[in-house]
Full PDB file with SEQRES, HELIX, SHEET, SSBOND, CRYST1, ORIGX, SCALE, CONECT and MASTER records, all heavy atoms in Angstrom:
SEQRES   1 A   31  GLU ASP SER ILE ARG VAL ARG LEU ARG ILE LEU GLY GLU          
SEQRES   2 A   31  LEU CYS ILE VAL GLN GLU ILE PHE GLU THR PRO GLU ILE          
SEQRES   3 A   31  ARG THR THR LEU ILE                                          
HELIX    1 AA1 PRO A   24  LEU A   30  1                                   7    
SHEET    1 AA1 2 ILE A   4  ILE A  10  0                                        
SHEET    2 AA1 2 GLU A  13  ILE A  20 -1                                        
CRYST1    1.000    1.000    1.000  90.00  90.00  90.00 P 1           1          
ORIGX1      1.000000  0.000000  0.000000        0.00000                         
ORIGX2      0.000000  1.000000  0.000000        0.00000                         
ORIGX3      0.000000  0.000000  1.000000        0.00000                         
SCALE1      1.000000  0.000000  0.000000        0.00000                         
SCALE2      0.000000  1.000000  0.000000        0.00000                         
SCALE3      0.000000  0.000000  1.000000        0.00000                         
ATOM      1  N   GLU A   1      -9.208   0.129  -2.191  1.00  0.00           N  
ATOM      2  CA  GLU A   1     -10.645   0.375  -2.294  1.00  0.00           C  
ATOM      3  C   GLU A   1     -11.082   1.601  -1.495  1.00  0.00           C  
ATOM      4  O   GLU A   1     -11.961   2.337  -1.904  1.00  0.00           O  
ATOM      5  CB  GLU A   1     -11.419  -0.854  -1.821  1.00  0.00           C  
ATOM      6  CG  GLU A   1     -12.898  -0.789  -2.127  1.00  0.00           C  
ATOM      7  CD  GLU A   1     -13.588  -2.095  -1.832  1.00  0.00           C  
ATOM      8  OE1 GLU A   1     -13.050  -3.152  -2.188  1.00  0.00           O  
ATOM      9  OE2 GLU A   1     -14.679  -2.031  -1.247  1.00  0.00           O  
ATOM     10  N   ASP A   2     -10.422   1.834  -0.335  1.00  0.00           N  
ATOM     11  CA  ASP A   2     -10.851   2.927   0.533  1.00  0.00           C  
ATOM     12  C   ASP A   2      -9.782   3.990   0.796  1.00  0.00           C  
ATOM     13  O   ASP A   2      -9.980   4.886   1.604  1.00  0.00           O  
ATOM     14  CB  ASP A   2     -11.347   2.369   1.859  1.00  0.00           C  
ATOM     15  CG  ASP A   2     -10.239   1.663   2.640  1.00  0.00           C  
ATOM     16  OD1 ASP A   2      -9.195   1.346   2.040  1.00  0.00           O  
ATOM     17  OD2 ASP A   2     -10.428   1.439   3.847  1.00  0.00           O  
ATOM     18  N   SER A   3      -8.632   3.874   0.133  1.00  0.00           N  
ATOM     19  CA  SER A   3      -7.560   4.836   0.409  1.00  0.00           C  
ATOM     20  C   SER A   3      -6.502   4.809  -0.689  1.00  0.00           C  
ATOM     21  O   SER A   3      -6.516   3.956  -1.572  1.00  0.00           O  
ATOM     22  CB  SER A   3      -6.895   4.515   1.751  1.00  0.00           C  
ATOM     23  OG  SER A   3      -6.222   3.275   1.673  1.00  0.00           O  
ATOM     24  N   ILE A   4      -5.591   5.754  -0.564  1.00  0.00           N  
ATOM     25  CA  ILE A   4      -4.380   5.781  -1.381  1.00  0.00           C  
ATOM     26  C   ILE A   4      -3.216   5.796  -0.390  1.00  0.00           C  
ATOM     27  O   ILE A   4      -3.197   6.605   0.544  1.00  0.00           O  
ATOM     28  CB  ILE A   4      -4.303   7.044  -2.257  1.00  0.00           C  
ATOM     29  CG1 ILE A   4      -5.443   7.068  -3.271  1.00  0.00           C  
ATOM     30  CG2 ILE A   4      -2.948   7.133  -2.970  1.00  0.00           C  
ATOM     31  CD1 ILE A   4      -5.560   8.381  -4.031  1.00  0.00           C  
ATOM     32  N   ARG A   5      -2.274   4.896  -0.579  1.00  0.00           N  
ATOM     33  CA  ARG A   5      -1.098   4.840   0.287  1.00  0.00           C  
ATOM     34  C   ARG A   5       0.115   5.312  -0.503  1.00  0.00           C  
ATOM     35  O   ARG A   5       0.361   4.852  -1.610  1.00  0.00           O  
ATOM     36  CB  ARG A   5      -0.855   3.428   0.788  1.00  0.00           C  
ATOM     37  CG  ARG A   5       0.389   3.346   1.694  1.00  0.00           C  
ATOM     38  CD  ARG A   5       0.601   1.959   2.232  1.00  0.00           C  
ATOM     39  NE  ARG A   5      -0.522   1.636   3.104  1.00  0.00           N  
ATOM     40  CZ  ARG A   5      -0.926   0.389   3.352  1.00  0.00           C  
ATOM     41  NH1 ARG A   5      -0.308  -0.627   2.810  1.00  0.00           N  
ATOM     42  NH2 ARG A   5      -1.941   0.184   4.151  1.00  0.00           N  
ATOM     43  N   VAL A   6       0.860   6.231   0.084  1.00  0.00           N  
ATOM     44  CA  VAL A   6       2.060   6.768  -0.546  1.00  0.00           C  
ATOM     45  C   VAL A   6       3.255   6.358   0.307  1.00  0.00           C  
ATOM     46  O   VAL A   6       3.283   6.590   1.513  1.00  0.00           O  
ATOM     47  CB  VAL A   6       1.995   8.307  -0.653  1.00  0.00           C  
ATOM     48  CG1 VAL A   6       3.243   8.842  -1.319  1.00  0.00           C  
ATOM     49  CG2 VAL A   6       0.736   8.741  -1.396  1.00  0.00           C  
ATOM     50  N   ARG A   7       4.232   5.713  -0.355  1.00  0.00           N  
ATOM     51  CA  ARG A   7       5.450   5.294   0.341  1.00  0.00           C  
ATOM     52  C   ARG A   7       6.658   5.815  -0.422  1.00  0.00           C  
ATOM     53  O   ARG A   7       6.629   5.934  -1.637  1.00  0.00           O  
ATOM     54  CB  ARG A   7       5.525   3.769   0.433  1.00  0.00           C  
ATOM     55  CG  ARG A   7       4.378   3.185   1.210  1.00  0.00           C  
ATOM     56  CD  ARG A   7       4.470   1.695   1.381  1.00  0.00           C  
ATOM     57  NE  ARG A   7       4.426   1.014   0.093  1.00  0.00           N  
ATOM     58  CZ  ARG A   7       4.779  -0.258  -0.088  1.00  0.00           C  
ATOM     59  NH1 ARG A   7       5.214  -0.979   0.924  1.00  0.00           N  
ATOM     60  NH2 ARG A   7       4.700  -0.808  -1.279  1.00  0.00           N  
ATOM     61  N   LEU A   8       7.685   6.133   0.320  1.00  0.00           N  
ATOM     62  CA  LEU A   8       8.954   6.561  -0.256  1.00  0.00           C  
ATOM     63  C   LEU A   8      10.017   5.528   0.093  1.00  0.00           C  
ATOM     64  O   LEU A   8      10.028   5.004   1.213  1.00  0.00           O  
ATOM     65  CB  LEU A   8       9.388   7.915   0.307  1.00  0.00           C  
ATOM     66  CG  LEU A   8       8.462   9.099   0.069  1.00  0.00           C  
ATOM     67  CD1 LEU A   8       9.031  10.344   0.738  1.00  0.00           C  
ATOM     68  CD2 LEU A   8       8.224   9.333  -1.401  1.00  0.00           C  
ATOM     69  N   ARG A   9      10.899   5.244  -0.853  1.00  0.00           N  
ATOM     70  CA  ARG A   9      12.041   4.378  -0.557  1.00  0.00           C  
ATOM     71  C   ARG A   9      13.190   5.285  -0.121  1.00  0.00           C  
ATOM     72  O   ARG A   9      13.708   6.081  -0.890  1.00  0.00           O  
ATOM     73  CB  ARG A   9      12.447   3.552  -1.763  1.00  0.00           C  
ATOM     74  CG  ARG A   9      13.545   2.537  -1.411  1.00  0.00           C  
ATOM     75  CD  ARG A   9      13.916   1.630  -2.559  1.00  0.00           C  
ATOM     76  NE  ARG A   9      12.796   0.960  -3.169  1.00  0.00           N  
ATOM     77  CZ  ARG A   9      12.216  -0.162  -2.716  1.00  0.00           C  
ATOM     78  NH1 ARG A   9      12.671  -0.722  -1.619  1.00  0.00           N  
ATOM     79  NH2 ARG A   9      11.215  -0.696  -3.364  1.00  0.00           N  
ATOM     80  N   ILE A  10      13.543   5.161   1.159  1.00  0.00           N  
ATOM     81  CA  ILE A  10      14.595   5.973   1.744  1.00  0.00           C  
ATOM     82  C   ILE A  10      15.657   5.027   2.297  1.00  0.00           C  
ATOM     83  O   ILE A  10      15.354   4.175   3.137  1.00  0.00           O  
ATOM     84  CB  ILE A  10      14.042   6.880   2.865  1.00  0.00           C  
ATOM     85  CG1 ILE A  10      12.915   7.768   2.308  1.00  0.00           C  
ATOM     86  CG2 ILE A  10      15.152   7.713   3.490  1.00  0.00           C  
ATOM     87  CD1 ILE A  10      12.116   8.498   3.358  1.00  0.00           C  
ATOM     88  N   LEU A  11      16.859   5.166   1.764  1.00  0.00           N  
ATOM     89  CA  LEU A  11      17.965   4.293   2.162  1.00  0.00           C  
ATOM     90  C   LEU A  11      17.587   2.821   2.040  1.00  0.00           C  
ATOM     91  O   LEU A  11      17.887   2.001   2.908  1.00  0.00           O  
ATOM     92  CB  LEU A  11      18.439   4.619   3.586  1.00  0.00           C  
ATOM     93  CG  LEU A  11      18.991   6.028   3.790  1.00  0.00           C  
ATOM     94  CD1 LEU A  11      19.271   6.280   5.267  1.00  0.00           C  
ATOM     95  CD2 LEU A  11      20.237   6.247   2.955  1.00  0.00           C  
ATOM     96  N   GLY A  12      16.883   2.482   0.963  1.00  0.00           N  
ATOM     97  CA  GLY A  12      16.527   1.104   0.670  1.00  0.00           C  
ATOM     98  C   GLY A  12      15.284   0.586   1.358  1.00  0.00           C  
ATOM     99  O   GLY A  12      14.852  -0.529   1.098  1.00  0.00           O  
ATOM    100  N   GLU A  13      14.683   1.375   2.230  1.00  0.00           N  
ATOM    101  CA  GLU A  13      13.509   0.926   2.968  1.00  0.00           C  
ATOM    102  C   GLU A  13      12.274   1.718   2.548  1.00  0.00           C  
ATOM    103  O   GLU A  13      12.315   2.949   2.459  1.00  0.00           O  
ATOM    104  CB  GLU A  13      13.740   1.099   4.467  1.00  0.00           C  
ATOM    105  CG  GLU A  13      12.631   0.538   5.309  1.00  0.00           C  
ATOM    106  CD  GLU A  13      12.950   0.610   6.794  1.00  0.00           C  
ATOM    107  OE1 GLU A  13      14.137   0.537   7.161  1.00  0.00           O  
ATOM    108  OE2 GLU A  13      11.999   0.734   7.583  1.00  0.00           O  
ATOM    109  N   LEU A  14      11.154   1.000   2.304  1.00  0.00           N  
ATOM    110  CA  LEU A  14       9.905   1.677   1.972  1.00  0.00           C  
ATOM    111  C   LEU A  14       9.252   2.187   3.246  1.00  0.00           C  
ATOM    112  O   LEU A  14       9.012   1.423   4.184  1.00  0.00           O  
ATOM    113  CB  LEU A  14       8.949   0.723   1.251  1.00  0.00           C  
ATOM    114  CG  LEU A  14       9.204   0.536  -0.232  1.00  0.00           C  
ATOM    115  CD1 LEU A  14       8.291  -0.551  -0.789  1.00  0.00           C  
ATOM    116  CD2 LEU A  14       9.011   1.830  -0.995  1.00  0.00           C  
ATOM    117  N   CYS A  15       8.973   3.480   3.280  1.00  0.00           N  
ATOM    118  CA  CYS A  15       8.364   4.119   4.441  1.00  0.00           C  
ATOM    119  C   CYS A  15       7.037   4.736   4.029  1.00  0.00           C  
ATOM    120  O   CYS A  15       6.985   5.488   3.054  1.00  0.00           O  
ATOM    121  CB  CYS A  15       9.266   5.222   4.980  1.00  0.00           C  
ATOM    122  SG  CYS A  15      10.942   4.689   5.342  1.00  0.00           S  
ATOM    123  N   ILE A  16       5.978   4.431   4.774  1.00  0.00           N  
ATOM    124  CA  ILE A  16       4.684   5.064   4.509  1.00  0.00           C  
ATOM    125  C   ILE A  16       4.781   6.521   4.943  1.00  0.00           C  
ATOM    126  O   ILE A  16       5.123   6.807   6.092  1.00  0.00           O  
ATOM    127  CB  ILE A  16       3.545   4.356   5.263  1.00  0.00           C  
ATOM    128  CG1 ILE A  16       3.403   2.910   4.778  1.00  0.00           C  
ATOM    129  CG2 ILE A  16       2.231   5.116   5.083  1.00  0.00           C  
ATOM    130  CD1 ILE A  16       2.420   2.080   5.588  1.00  0.00           C  
ATOM    131  N   VAL A  17       4.491   7.430   4.013  1.00  0.00           N  
ATOM    132  CA  VAL A  17       4.551   8.852   4.351  1.00  0.00           C  
ATOM    133  C   VAL A  17       3.174   9.503   4.347  1.00  0.00           C  
ATOM    134  O   VAL A  17       3.005  10.571   4.922  1.00  0.00           O  
ATOM    135  CB  VAL A  17       5.494   9.641   3.405  1.00  0.00           C  
ATOM    136  CG1 VAL A  17       6.923   9.198   3.599  1.00  0.00           C  
ATOM    137  CG2 VAL A  17       5.070   9.507   1.969  1.00  0.00           C  
ATOM    138  N   GLN A  18       2.207   8.827   3.721  1.00  0.00           N  
ATOM    139  CA  GLN A  18       0.884   9.425   3.666  1.00  0.00           C  
ATOM    140  C   GLN A  18      -0.140   8.363   3.315  1.00  0.00           C  
ATOM    141  O   GLN A  18       0.122   7.480   2.505  1.00  0.00           O  
ATOM    142  CB  GLN A  18       0.857  10.542   2.615  1.00  0.00           C  
ATOM    143  CG  GLN A  18      -0.393  11.353   2.593  1.00  0.00           C  
ATOM    144  CD  GLN A  18      -0.276  12.532   1.638  1.00  0.00           C  
ATOM    145  OE1 GLN A  18       0.581  12.573   0.774  1.00  0.00           O  
ATOM    146  NE2 GLN A  18      -1.147  13.487   1.792  1.00  0.00           N  
ATOM    147  N   GLU A  19      -1.299   8.437   3.963  1.00  0.00           N  
ATOM    148  CA  GLU A  19      -2.446   7.633   3.573  1.00  0.00           C  
ATOM    149  C   GLU A  19      -3.598   8.592   3.399  1.00  0.00           C  
ATOM    150  O   GLU A  19      -3.868   9.417   4.268  1.00  0.00           O  
ATOM    151  CB  GLU A  19      -2.759   6.551   4.602  1.00  0.00           C  
ATOM    152  CG  GLU A  19      -1.680   5.486   4.624  1.00  0.00           C  
ATOM    153  CD  GLU A  19      -2.163   4.166   5.178  1.00  0.00           C  
ATOM    154  OE1 GLU A  19      -3.014   3.535   4.530  1.00  0.00           O  
ATOM    155  OE2 GLU A  19      -1.676   3.799   6.249  1.00  0.00           O  
ATOM    156  N   ILE A  20      -4.235   8.515   2.255  1.00  0.00           N  
ATOM    157  CA  ILE A  20      -5.289   9.457   1.901  1.00  0.00           C  
ATOM    158  C   ILE A  20      -6.622   8.739   1.968  1.00  0.00           C  
ATOM    159  O   ILE A  20      -6.882   7.815   1.198  1.00  0.00           O  
ATOM    160  CB  ILE A  20      -5.039  10.038   0.493  1.00  0.00           C  
ATOM    161  CG1 ILE A  20      -3.669  10.725   0.461  1.00  0.00           C  
ATOM    162  CG2 ILE A  20      -6.166  10.983   0.095  1.00  0.00           C  
ATOM    163  CD1 ILE A  20      -3.189  11.076  -0.934  1.00  0.00           C  
ATOM    164  N   PHE A  21      -7.452   9.134   2.928  1.00  0.00           N  
ATOM    165  CA  PHE A  21      -8.783   8.563   3.109  1.00  0.00           C  
ATOM    166  C   PHE A  21      -9.818   9.621   2.762  1.00  0.00           C  
ATOM    167  O   PHE A  21     -10.444  10.196   3.634  1.00  0.00           O  
ATOM    168  CB  PHE A  21      -8.987   8.104   4.560  1.00  0.00           C  
ATOM    169  CG  PHE A  21      -8.088   6.989   4.972  1.00  0.00           C  
ATOM    170  CD1 PHE A  21      -6.912   7.241   5.652  1.00  0.00           C  
ATOM    171  CD2 PHE A  21      -8.423   5.683   4.690  1.00  0.00           C  
ATOM    172  CE1 PHE A  21      -6.073   6.206   6.054  1.00  0.00           C  
ATOM    173  CE2 PHE A  21      -7.600   4.636   5.080  1.00  0.00           C  
ATOM    174  CZ  PHE A  21      -6.426   4.901   5.760  1.00  0.00           C  
ATOM    175  N   GLU A  22      -9.951   9.915   1.503  1.00  0.00           N  
ATOM    176  CA  GLU A  22     -10.929  10.886   1.030  1.00  0.00           C  
ATOM    177  C   GLU A  22     -12.058  10.125   0.331  1.00  0.00           C  
ATOM    178  O   GLU A  22     -12.030   8.902   0.239  1.00  0.00           O  
ATOM    179  CB  GLU A  22     -10.268  11.881   0.057  1.00  0.00           C  
ATOM    180  CG  GLU A  22      -9.212  12.767   0.672  1.00  0.00           C  
ATOM    181  CD  GLU A  22      -9.783  13.830   1.590  1.00  0.00           C  
ATOM    182  OE1 GLU A  22     -11.001  14.099   1.545  1.00  0.00           O  
ATOM    183  OE2 GLU A  22      -9.003  14.416   2.362  1.00  0.00           O  
ATOM    184  N   THR A  23     -13.003  10.856  -0.191  1.00  0.00           N  
ATOM    185  CA  THR A  23     -14.099  10.217  -0.923  1.00  0.00           C  
ATOM    186  C   THR A  23     -13.546   9.553  -2.181  1.00  0.00           C  
ATOM    187  O   THR A  23     -12.478   9.939  -2.673  1.00  0.00           O  
ATOM    188  CB  THR A  23     -15.156  11.259  -1.342  1.00  0.00           C  
ATOM    189  OG1 THR A  23     -14.562  12.155  -2.282  1.00  0.00           O  
ATOM    190  CG2 THR A  23     -15.713  12.013  -0.154  1.00  0.00           C  
ATOM    191  N   PRO A  24     -14.249   8.553  -2.709  1.00  0.00           N  
ATOM    192  CA  PRO A  24     -13.785   7.910  -3.939  1.00  0.00           C  
ATOM    193  C   PRO A  24     -13.564   8.915  -5.075  1.00  0.00           C  
ATOM    194  O   PRO A  24     -12.600   8.797  -5.832  1.00  0.00           O  
ATOM    195  CB  PRO A  24     -14.908   6.934  -4.285  1.00  0.00           C  
ATOM    196  CG  PRO A  24     -15.537   6.615  -2.967  1.00  0.00           C  
ATOM    197  CD  PRO A  24     -15.442   7.897  -2.171  1.00  0.00           C  
ATOM    198  N   GLU A  25     -14.419   9.916  -5.168  1.00  0.00           N  
ATOM    199  CA  GLU A  25     -14.284  10.928  -6.220  1.00  0.00           C  
ATOM    200  C   GLU A  25     -12.975  11.702  -6.075  1.00  0.00           C  
ATOM    201  O   GLU A  25     -12.252  11.919  -7.045  1.00  0.00           O  
ATOM    202  CB  GLU A  25     -15.468  11.894  -6.179  1.00  0.00           C  
ATOM    203  CG  GLU A  25     -15.366  13.008  -7.200  1.00  0.00           C  
ATOM    204  CD  GLU A  25     -16.504  14.005  -7.057  1.00  0.00           C  
ATOM    205  OE1 GLU A  25     -17.635  13.665  -7.440  1.00  0.00           O  
ATOM    206  OE2 GLU A  25     -16.230  15.115  -6.566  1.00  0.00           O  
ATOM    207  N   ILE A  26     -12.658  12.099  -4.866  1.00  0.00           N  
ATOM    208  CA  ILE A  26     -11.422  12.855  -4.631  1.00  0.00           C  
ATOM    209  C   ILE A  26     -10.208  11.971  -4.883  1.00  0.00           C  
ATOM    210  O   ILE A  26      -9.228  12.400  -5.498  1.00  0.00           O  
ATOM    211  CB  ILE A  26     -11.392  13.462  -3.219  1.00  0.00           C  
ATOM    212  CG1 ILE A  26     -12.423  14.594  -3.143  1.00  0.00           C  
ATOM    213  CG2 ILE A  26     -10.004  13.984  -2.861  1.00  0.00           C  
ATOM    214  CD1 ILE A  26     -12.582  15.211  -1.777  1.00  0.00           C  
ATOM    215  N   ARG A  27     -10.262  10.714  -4.426  1.00  0.00           N  
ATOM    216  CA  ARG A  27      -9.128   9.811  -4.655  1.00  0.00           C  
ATOM    217  C   ARG A  27      -8.901   9.591  -6.145  1.00  0.00           C  
ATOM    218  O   ARG A  27      -7.758   9.616  -6.620  1.00  0.00           O  
ATOM    219  CB  ARG A  27      -9.352   8.476  -3.941  1.00  0.00           C  
ATOM    220  CG  ARG A  27      -9.275   8.597  -2.432  1.00  0.00           C  
ATOM    221  CD  ARG A  27      -9.161   7.247  -1.747  1.00  0.00           C  
ATOM    222  NE  ARG A  27     -10.046   6.232  -2.247  1.00  0.00           N  
ATOM    223  CZ  ARG A  27     -11.268   5.958  -1.790  1.00  0.00           C  
ATOM    224  NH1 ARG A  27     -11.755   6.667  -0.790  1.00  0.00           N  
ATOM    225  NH2 ARG A  27     -11.995   4.983  -2.306  1.00  0.00           N  
ATOM    226  N   THR A  28      -9.970   9.391  -6.902  1.00  0.00           N  
ATOM    227  CA  THR A  28      -9.842   9.204  -8.349  1.00  0.00           C  
ATOM    228  C   THR A  28      -9.263  10.448  -9.002  1.00  0.00           C  
ATOM    229  O   THR A  28      -8.381  10.363  -9.858  1.00  0.00           O  
ATOM    230  CB  THR A  28     -11.210   8.860  -8.974  1.00  0.00           C  
ATOM    231  OG1 THR A  28     -11.657   7.626  -8.409  1.00  0.00           O  
ATOM    232  CG2 THR A  28     -11.120   8.729 -10.483  1.00  0.00           C  
ATOM    233  N   THR A  29      -9.721  11.608  -8.575  1.00  0.00           N  
ATOM    234  CA  THR A  29      -9.212  12.859  -9.134  1.00  0.00           C  
ATOM    235  C   THR A  29      -7.738  13.045  -8.781  1.00  0.00           C  
ATOM    236  O   THR A  29      -6.951  13.494  -9.620  1.00  0.00           O  
ATOM    237  CB  THR A  29     -10.047  14.054  -8.646  1.00  0.00           C  
ATOM    238  OG1 THR A  29     -11.417  13.820  -8.996  1.00  0.00           O  
ATOM    239  CG2 THR A  29      -9.583  15.351  -9.277  1.00  0.00           C  
ATOM    240  N   LEU A  30      -7.346  12.688  -7.555  1.00  0.00           N  
ATOM    241  CA  LEU A  30      -5.932  12.777  -7.176  1.00  0.00           C  
ATOM    242  C   LEU A  30      -5.066  11.898  -8.075  1.00  0.00           C  
ATOM    243  O   LEU A  30      -4.025  12.334  -8.569  1.00  0.00           O  
ATOM    244  CB  LEU A  30      -5.736  12.365  -5.718  1.00  0.00           C  
ATOM    245  CG  LEU A  30      -5.990  13.431  -4.674  1.00  0.00           C  
ATOM    246  CD1 LEU A  30      -6.081  12.806  -3.288  1.00  0.00           C  
ATOM    247  CD2 LEU A  30      -4.927  14.500  -4.715  1.00  0.00           C  
ATOM    248  N   ILE A  31      -5.494  10.658  -8.296  1.00  0.00           N  
ATOM    249  CA  ILE A  31      -4.736   9.745  -9.145  1.00  0.00           C  
ATOM    250  C   ILE A  31      -4.697  10.266 -10.576  1.00  0.00           C  
ATOM    251  O   ILE A  31      -3.642  10.265 -11.224  1.00  0.00           O  
ATOM    252  CB  ILE A  31      -5.330   8.321  -9.089  1.00  0.00           C  
ATOM    253  CG1 ILE A  31      -5.131   7.717  -7.698  1.00  0.00           C  
ATOM    254  CG2 ILE A  31      -4.738   7.430 -10.175  1.00  0.00           C  
ATOM    255  CD1 ILE A  31      -3.687   7.496  -7.293  1.00  0.00           C  
TER     256      ILE A  31                                                      
MASTER        0    0    0    1    2    0    0    6  255    1    0    3          
END                                                                             
């Protein structure tokens, strides 16, 4: 609802690499 979370699976483990807390408009445009 308030962010986009980006995770990468590295050596079998999911690692959070980025959390995007922009406006809803920017998040929708990113997606």
